[in-house]
Protein backbone atom coordinates (compact mmCIF):
# COMPACT_ATOMS: atom_id res chain seq x y z
CA UNK A 1 78.04 100.67 75.33
CA UNK A 2 80.40 103.18 73.79
CA UNK A 3 83.64 101.85 72.29
CA UNK A 4 86.69 103.69 73.56
CA UNK A 5 90.37 103.24 72.77
CA UNK A 6 92.93 104.16 75.40
CA UNK A 7 96.72 104.24 75.31
CA UNK A 8 98.67 104.68 78.52
CA UNK A 9 102.30 104.90 79.52
CA UNK A 10 104.10 105.46 82.78
CA UNK A 11 107.68 106.57 83.33
CA UNK A 12 110.02 107.28 86.20
CA UNK A 13 113.41 108.92 86.52
CA UNK A 14 115.29 107.49 89.50
CA UNK A 15 112.88 104.57 89.70
CA UNK A 16 112.09 103.76 93.33
CA UNK A 17 114.76 106.08 94.74
CA UNK A 18 114.23 109.05 97.00
CA UNK A 19 113.27 112.16 95.03
CA UNK A 20 112.38 110.12 91.96
CA UNK A 21 110.16 111.85 89.43
CA UNK A 22 107.45 109.83 87.76
CA UNK A 23 104.66 110.61 85.36
CA UNK A 24 102.10 109.13 83.04
CA UNK A 25 100.62 109.99 79.71
CA UNK A 26 97.19 109.03 78.40
CA UNK A 27 95.61 109.24 74.98
CA UNK A 28 91.87 108.53 75.13
CA UNK A 29 90.00 108.24 71.83
CA UNK A 30 86.28 108.17 71.23
CA UNK A 31 84.28 108.91 68.12
CA UNK A 32 87.21 110.42 66.23
CA UNK A 33 88.25 112.74 69.06
CA UNK A 34 91.44 112.29 71.10
CA UNK A 35 92.00 113.65 74.60
CA UNK A 36 95.49 113.80 76.06
CA UNK A 37 96.35 113.82 79.75
CA UNK A 38 99.68 113.99 81.56
CA UNK A 39 100.60 114.20 85.21
CA UNK A 40 103.82 113.96 87.21
CA UNK A 41 104.59 113.21 90.83
CA UNK A 42 107.63 112.64 93.04
CA UNK A 43 108.86 109.67 95.08
CA UNK A 44 107.28 106.96 92.97
CA UNK A 45 108.13 104.00 90.75
CA UNK A 46 107.63 103.13 87.12
CA UNK A 47 105.13 100.38 88.00
CA UNK A 48 103.07 102.79 90.09
CA UNK A 49 102.95 105.24 87.19
CA UNK A 50 102.00 102.51 84.67
CA UNK A 51 99.18 101.33 86.90
CA UNK A 52 98.03 104.83 87.83
CA UNK A 53 97.82 105.75 84.15
CA UNK A 54 95.38 102.90 83.53
CA UNK A 55 93.27 103.72 86.59
CA UNK A 56 93.11 107.43 85.77
CA UNK A 57 92.25 106.77 82.14
CA UNK A 58 89.36 104.46 83.04
CA UNK A 59 88.21 106.91 85.73
CA UNK A 60 87.77 109.58 83.06
CA UNK A 61 84.95 107.59 81.44
CA UNK A 62 81.58 108.87 82.62
CA UNK A 63 79.56 105.74 81.81
CA UNK A 64 80.26 102.03 81.31
CA UNK A 65 82.27 101.52 78.13
CA UNK A 66 83.87 98.80 76.07
CA UNK A 67 87.54 99.69 76.14
CA UNK A 68 90.55 98.57 74.18
CA UNK A 69 93.41 99.57 76.44
CA UNK A 70 96.93 99.54 75.03
CA UNK A 71 100.01 99.63 77.24
CA UNK A 72 103.67 98.71 76.96
CA UNK A 73 103.68 97.64 80.62
CA UNK A 74 104.19 93.90 81.02
CA UNK A 75 103.43 94.45 84.73
CA UNK A 76 99.91 95.70 84.02
CA UNK A 77 99.07 93.58 80.98
CA UNK A 78 100.35 90.30 82.43
CA UNK A 79 98.63 90.89 85.76
CA UNK A 80 95.33 90.93 83.89
CA UNK A 81 95.83 88.64 80.90
CA UNK A 82 97.84 85.98 82.74
CA UNK A 83 95.43 86.03 85.70
CA UNK A 84 98.01 87.19 88.24
CA UNK A 85 95.47 89.59 89.70
CA UNK A 86 92.92 86.81 90.19
CA UNK A 87 95.55 84.61 91.84
CA UNK A 88 96.70 87.42 94.14
CA UNK A 89 93.16 87.94 95.37
CA UNK A 90 92.55 84.23 95.81
CA UNK A 91 95.82 83.94 97.76
CA UNK A 92 95.03 86.78 100.16
CA UNK A 93 97.01 89.36 98.20
CA UNK A 94 100.18 87.28 98.26
CA UNK A 95 102.25 86.72 95.12
CA UNK A 96 103.67 83.40 93.97
CA UNK A 97 106.62 83.90 96.37
CA UNK A 98 104.12 84.27 99.26
CA UNK A 99 105.13 87.93 99.63
CA UNK A 100 102.56 90.74 99.90
CA UNK A 101 101.56 92.07 96.47
CA UNK A 102 103.13 95.46 95.78
CA UNK A 103 100.78 98.35 95.04
CA UNK A 104 97.74 96.48 96.35
CA UNK A 105 95.80 99.73 96.88
CA UNK A 106 96.17 100.55 93.19
CA UNK A 107 95.18 97.05 92.07
CA UNK A 108 92.03 97.37 94.22
CA UNK A 109 91.22 100.68 92.48
CA UNK A 110 91.72 99.03 89.10
CA UNK A 111 89.41 96.18 90.09
CA UNK A 112 86.69 98.75 90.86
CA UNK A 113 87.05 100.18 87.35
CA UNK A 114 86.94 96.69 85.83
CA UNK A 115 83.55 96.10 87.48
CA UNK A 116 82.25 99.13 85.61
CA UNK A 117 83.90 98.82 82.20
CA UNK A 118 84.54 95.93 79.84
CA UNK A 119 88.27 96.24 79.17
CA UNK A 120 90.47 94.34 76.75
CA UNK A 121 94.14 94.77 77.72
CA UNK A 122 96.51 94.78 74.75
CA UNK A 123 100.32 94.78 75.00
CA UNK A 124 102.25 97.04 72.63
CA UNK A 125 105.99 97.26 72.21
CA UNK A 126 107.36 100.34 73.91
CA UNK A 127 109.60 102.86 72.16
CA UNK A 128 108.68 101.37 68.82
CA UNK A 129 106.58 102.51 65.88
CA UNK A 130 103.22 102.83 67.66
CA UNK A 131 102.34 106.53 67.37
CA UNK A 132 99.94 106.59 70.32
CA UNK A 133 102.25 104.71 72.66
CA UNK A 134 105.03 107.08 71.62
CA UNK A 135 102.73 110.04 72.27
CA UNK A 136 101.94 108.75 75.77
CA UNK A 137 105.66 108.37 76.44
CA UNK A 138 106.25 111.94 75.22
CA UNK A 139 103.44 113.24 77.45
CA UNK A 140 104.93 111.48 80.49
CA UNK A 141 108.35 112.93 79.74
CA UNK A 142 106.88 116.42 79.26
CA UNK A 143 105.17 116.14 82.64
CA UNK A 144 108.43 115.04 84.31
CA UNK A 145 110.27 117.93 82.66
CA UNK A 146 107.65 120.37 83.95
CA UNK A 147 107.90 119.15 87.55
CA UNK A 148 111.73 119.02 87.72
């Protein structure tokens, strides 16, 4: 399997409000080459953009890969590494408060990608000194600027 490194970041201005603008940035690295992707949308949330960034990044891979995926999203990283996603499925897509899991359709899409790729989820500190996380943040902001 090919070893790929991916950084993702999602952002949202007016998080969860009507006419919000959200976007994501992706830096995908393989064999010394980096590919950057950015995309914006309206009427979204930060969590949707964080999760969409991961799904879109993994969807770009054309064959099964071993992936180190870096994100500053506690929502995404904890859902995987702290087994929230497994618990949600086991509990009929209910969270620990017995409420329906938000963004279930996106989590299902992510699960499909995780059947295909071997992914290690790694938390990075946002808005810090990580150049690739900062680049993803810049890409997301550029995309939001372009759509506004």
